[in-house]
Protein backbone atom coordinates (compact mmCIF):
# COMPACT_ATOMS: atom_id res chain seq x y z
CA UNK A 1 20.55 23.56 12.23
CA UNK A 2 22.03 27.03 11.87
CA UNK A 3 20.04 28.61 9.04
CA UNK A 4 18.64 32.08 8.47
CA UNK A 5 14.98 31.88 7.50
CA UNK A 6 12.47 34.41 6.14
CA UNK A 7 8.83 33.42 6.64
CA UNK A 8 6.18 35.60 5.05
CA UNK A 9 2.89 35.94 6.90
CA UNK A 10 4.59 34.53 9.98
CA UNK A 11 2.53 36.12 12.75
CA UNK A 12 -0.33 33.62 12.97
CA UNK A 13 -1.65 30.19 12.07
CA UNK A 14 0.60 27.97 9.89
CA UNK A 15 3.30 30.62 9.46
CA UNK A 16 3.72 30.98 13.21
CA UNK A 17 3.94 27.21 13.73
CA UNK A 18 6.61 26.95 11.04
CA UNK A 19 8.51 29.74 12.76
CA UNK A 20 8.31 28.02 16.17
CA UNK A 21 9.52 24.66 14.91
CA UNK A 22 12.38 26.08 12.86
CA UNK A 23 13.43 28.30 15.74
CA UNK A 24 13.41 25.29 18.06
CA UNK A 25 15.75 23.61 15.57
CA UNK A 26 18.28 26.43 15.92
CA UNK A 27 17.33 28.71 13.03
CA UNK A 28 17.33 32.47 13.06
CA UNK A 29 13.89 33.69 12.01
CA UNK A 30 12.95 36.86 10.14
CA UNK A 31 9.23 37.23 10.82
CA UNK A 32 7.38 39.09 8.09
CA UNK A 33 3.90 40.43 8.73
CA UNK A 34 1.53 42.79 6.96
CA UNK A 35 -0.93 43.93 9.64
CA UNK A 36 -0.73 41.46 12.57
CA UNK A 37 1.79 43.53 14.51
CA UNK A 38 0.81 42.46 18.02
CA UNK A 39 1.00 38.74 17.26
CA UNK A 40 4.29 39.16 15.40
CA UNK A 41 5.84 41.12 18.27
CA UNK A 42 4.78 38.51 20.81
CA UNK A 43 6.28 35.72 18.72
CA UNK A 44 9.52 37.61 18.15
CA UNK A 45 9.89 38.53 21.81
CA UNK A 46 9.38 34.91 22.83
CA UNK A 47 12.07 33.72 20.42
CA UNK A 48 14.56 36.31 21.64
CA UNK A 49 13.92 35.39 25.27
CA UNK A 50 14.90 31.82 24.41
CA UNK A 51 17.88 32.82 22.27
CA UNK A 52 18.84 36.50 22.21
CA UNK A 53 19.19 38.01 18.75
CA UNK A 54 17.65 35.01 16.99
CA UNK A 55 14.53 36.72 15.63
CA UNK A 56 13.72 39.96 13.88
CA UNK A 57 10.52 41.59 12.62
CA UNK A 58 9.79 43.16 9.30
CA UNK A 59 6.50 44.69 8.20
CA UNK A 60 5.49 45.10 4.58
CA UNK A 61 2.74 44.80 2.01
CA UNK A 62 4.32 42.40 -0.47
CA UNK A 63 1.92 43.50 -3.19
CA UNK A 64 3.66 46.89 -3.22
CA UNK A 65 6.93 46.58 -5.07
CA UNK A 66 8.87 49.08 -2.98
CA UNK A 67 7.86 47.34 0.25
CA UNK A 68 8.71 43.92 -1.19
CA UNK A 69 12.14 45.19 -2.20
CA UNK A 70 12.68 46.56 1.30
CA UNK A 71 11.81 43.18 2.82
CA UNK A 72 14.24 41.48 0.44
CA UNK A 73 17.03 43.93 1.21
CA UNK A 74 16.74 43.30 4.94
CA UNK A 75 16.54 39.52 4.41
CA UNK A 76 19.70 39.58 2.31
CA UNK A 77 21.67 41.28 5.08
CA UNK A 78 20.31 39.85 8.36
CA UNK A 79 22.78 37.52 10.10
CA UNK A 80 25.02 37.60 7.04
CA UNK A 81 22.57 36.31 4.43
CA UNK A 82 19.46 34.24 3.79
CA UNK A 83 19.38 30.43 3.63
CA UNK A 84 15.64 29.72 3.44
CA UNK A 85 12.60 31.52 2.03
CA UNK A 86 9.16 30.25 3.06
CA UNK A 87 6.39 31.82 0.99
CA UNK A 88 3.44 31.47 3.35
CA UNK A 89 1.58 34.80 3.17
CA UNK A 90 -1.78 34.35 1.45
CA UNK A 91 -5.23 35.83 0.95
CA UNK A 92 -8.21 33.47 1.04
CA UNK A 93 -11.88 34.28 0.48
CA UNK A 94 -14.69 33.16 -1.85
CA UNK A 95 -15.09 34.54 -5.36
CA UNK A 96 -18.21 33.08 -7.01
CA UNK A 97 -17.84 33.66 -10.74
CA UNK A 98 -20.90 35.89 -11.06
CA UNK A 99 -19.67 38.21 -8.29
CA UNK A 100 -15.90 38.26 -8.81
CA UNK A 101 -14.35 41.69 -9.27
CA UNK A 102 -11.10 42.65 -10.94
CA UNK A 103 -9.88 43.95 -7.58
CA UNK A 104 -10.41 40.51 -6.02
CA UNK A 105 -8.57 38.88 -8.92
CA UNK A 106 -5.63 41.25 -8.50
CA UNK A 107 -5.55 40.76 -4.72
CA UNK A 108 -5.68 36.96 -4.76
CA UNK A 109 -3.24 36.56 -7.64
CA UNK A 110 -1.05 39.23 -6.12
CA UNK A 111 -0.74 37.75 -2.64
CA UNK A 112 -0.64 34.08 -3.63
CA UNK A 113 1.45 34.19 -6.82
CA UNK A 114 2.87 37.55 -7.87
CA UNK A 115 4.42 38.43 -4.50
CA UNK A 116 6.14 35.02 -4.07
CA UNK A 117 7.52 35.20 -7.62
CA UNK A 118 9.03 38.65 -7.22
CA UNK A 119 10.32 37.88 -3.75
CA UNK A 120 12.15 34.88 -5.17
CA UNK A 121 13.53 37.12 -7.91
CA UNK A 122 14.80 39.63 -5.36
CA UNK A 123 16.36 36.96 -3.11
CA UNK A 124 17.66 34.39 -5.59
CA UNK A 125 21.23 35.69 -5.89
CA UNK A 126 21.75 35.63 -2.14
CA UNK A 127 20.10 32.23 -1.76
CA UNK A 128 22.29 30.81 -4.52
CA UNK A 129 25.46 31.95 -2.78
CA UNK A 130 24.43 30.01 0.32
CA UNK A 131 23.04 26.93 -1.47
CA UNK A 132 19.65 27.85 -0.07
CA UNK A 133 16.13 26.60 -0.53
CA UNK A 134 12.58 27.84 -1.05
CA UNK A 135 9.39 26.30 0.30
CA UNK A 136 6.05 27.53 -1.05
CA UNK A 137 2.80 26.93 0.83
CA UNK A 138 0.26 25.89 -1.79
CA UNK A 139 -3.05 24.02 -1.30
CA UNK A 140 -4.65 20.73 -2.30
CA UNK A 141 -7.21 22.85 -4.16
CA UNK A 142 -4.50 23.93 -6.57
CA UNK A 143 -5.07 20.49 -8.11
CA UNK A 144 -8.73 19.84 -7.34
CA UNK A 145 -10.22 23.33 -7.38
CA UNK A 146 -12.57 24.60 -4.67
CA UNK A 147 -16.03 25.65 -5.86
CA UNK A 148 -16.74 29.35 -5.33
CA UNK A 149 -13.03 29.91 -4.67
CA UNK A 150 -11.97 29.87 -8.30
CA UNK A 151 -9.52 32.78 -8.18
CA UNK A 152 -7.79 31.45 -5.05
CA UNK A 153 -7.55 27.98 -6.63
CA UNK A 154 -6.14 29.45 -9.83
CA UNK A 155 -3.56 31.43 -7.88
CA UNK A 156 -2.39 28.38 -5.92
CA UNK A 157 -2.24 26.33 -9.13
CA UNK A 158 0.05 29.02 -10.48
CA UNK A 159 2.23 28.74 -7.38
CA UNK A 160 2.51 24.98 -7.97
CA UNK A 161 3.62 25.67 -11.54
CA UNK A 162 6.07 28.28 -10.27
CA UNK A 163 7.55 25.76 -7.83
CA UNK A 164 8.26 23.29 -10.63
CA UNK A 165 9.65 25.71 -13.21
CA UNK A 166 11.84 27.58 -10.74
CA UNK A 167 13.24 24.28 -9.47
CA UNK A 168 14.55 23.81 -13.02
CA UNK A 169 15.67 27.38 -13.45
CA UNK A 170 17.37 27.84 -10.06
CA UNK A 171 19.00 24.43 -9.76
CA UNK A 172 21.52 23.20 -8.83
CA UNK A 173 22.23 25.99 -6.33
CA UNK A 174 18.69 26.48 -4.95
CA UNK A 175 16.12 23.80 -4.19
CA UNK A 176 12.45 24.79 -4.67
CA UNK A 177 9.61 22.70 -3.20
CA UNK A 178 6.10 23.18 -1.86
CA UNK A 179 3.79 21.87 0.84
CA UNK A 180 0.08 21.43 0.01
CA UNK A 181 -2.08 21.41 3.16
CA UNK A 182 -5.50 19.82 3.29
CA UNK A 183 -7.95 20.36 6.18
CA UNK A 184 -5.56 21.86 8.71
CA UNK A 185 -7.18 24.96 10.15
CA UNK A 186 -10.78 25.80 9.41
CA UNK A 187 -11.35 29.19 7.74
CA UNK A 188 -11.89 31.94 10.28
CA UNK A 189 -15.48 32.25 9.03
CA UNK A 190 -17.86 30.58 6.61
CA UNK A 191 -18.03 26.82 7.39
CA UNK A 192 -20.94 25.28 9.27
CA UNK A 193 -20.60 22.29 11.60
CA UNK A 194 -22.30 20.14 8.97
CA UNK A 195 -19.85 21.22 6.27
CA UNK A 196 -16.91 20.42 8.54
CA UNK A 197 -18.36 16.97 9.26
CA UNK A 198 -18.78 16.27 5.54
CA UNK A 199 -15.16 17.21 4.88
CA UNK A 200 -13.87 14.97 7.67
CA UNK A 201 -15.90 12.05 6.28
CA UNK A 202 -13.83 12.28 3.07
CA UNK A 203 -10.49 12.02 4.89
CA UNK A 204 -9.14 8.45 5.29
CA UNK A 205 -7.41 9.36 8.55
CA UNK A 206 -10.75 10.61 9.86
CA UNK A 207 -9.61 13.92 11.31
CA UNK A 208 -8.25 17.31 10.45
CA UNK A 209 -4.54 17.97 10.69
CA UNK A 210 -2.70 20.57 12.73
CA UNK A 211 -0.41 23.44 11.80
CA UNK A 212 2.40 21.41 13.35
CA UNK A 213 1.87 18.75 10.66
CA UNK A 214 2.62 21.40 8.04
CA UNK A 215 5.56 22.75 10.00
CA UNK A 216 7.08 19.27 10.16
CA UNK A 217 6.74 18.91 6.39
CA UNK A 218 8.42 22.28 5.90
CA UNK A 219 11.21 21.27 8.28
CA UNK A 220 11.81 18.10 6.27
CA UNK A 221 12.13 20.06 3.03
CA UNK A 222 14.49 22.55 4.66
CA UNK A 223 16.65 20.18 6.70
CA UNK A 224 16.63 16.67 5.28
CA UNK A 225 15.61 16.87 1.61
CA UNK A 226 18.97 17.61 0.01
CA UNK A 227 18.09 15.59 -3.11
CA UNK A 228 14.50 16.82 -3.45
CA UNK A 229 13.45 19.71 -5.68
CA UNK A 230 10.41 20.62 -7.74
CA UNK A 231 8.13 18.50 -5.57
CA UNK A 232 4.75 19.14 -3.95
CA UNK A 233 4.46 17.42 -0.57
CA UNK A 234 0.75 16.88 0.14
CA UNK A 235 -0.24 16.83 3.82
CA UNK A 236 -3.98 16.13 3.84
CA UNK A 237 -4.69 12.88 5.69
CA UNK A 238 -5.42 11.23 2.34
CA UNK A 239 -8.22 13.57 1.33
CA UNK A 240 -7.04 13.87 -2.27
CA UNK A 241 -7.49 10.13 -2.72
CA UNK A 242 -11.18 10.91 -3.21
CA UNK A 243 -12.66 12.99 -6.02
């Protein structure tokens, strides 16, 4: 599969696993990062050792318009043009209603919704020329809502809505879909062992998933879903079957 792919927030966690799987499938990968320079450089160097010239780095704060435009400009010219945009970069932290600040609102809406929207806007002409596709990383809590994470849940719900409306607006030349992970990677802080156990008890498959599960779903939407657009592919072990 010879496609040129931009992955935002690609240095770690789910973004890095998506990058590895797509690179293994023959894609050229443009690895965007905001602050995780060391991890991004290691990933890029590893890709280029396997296949010289197959990966490039780009740093940028996508909430700053001039940096977003710079990322888009590079993506539109690398390897002759962009085939795939994966909107993965995201902020995630609690915002209990009584304590939520306007700055937190702007940050969570900015990283999870505003930046993906304007990146699509900046890249859509090039993607259309190459019959490209977009995959947004959303969350099962876009539908269910996560208590004390209201702003994050609202932002991801907006990204779900964006996926569906842009599938209408950008078709037939660009497909737009999303993947909604469930319990894949635990937050880097904040969950006790008891809380993790309670979550796993509500998953029919009885276990958490892995970043590779999400990467495989992304690969399907990129490679094999030619007649799929406007869809949210939920990868949660069945967790959303329960209220």
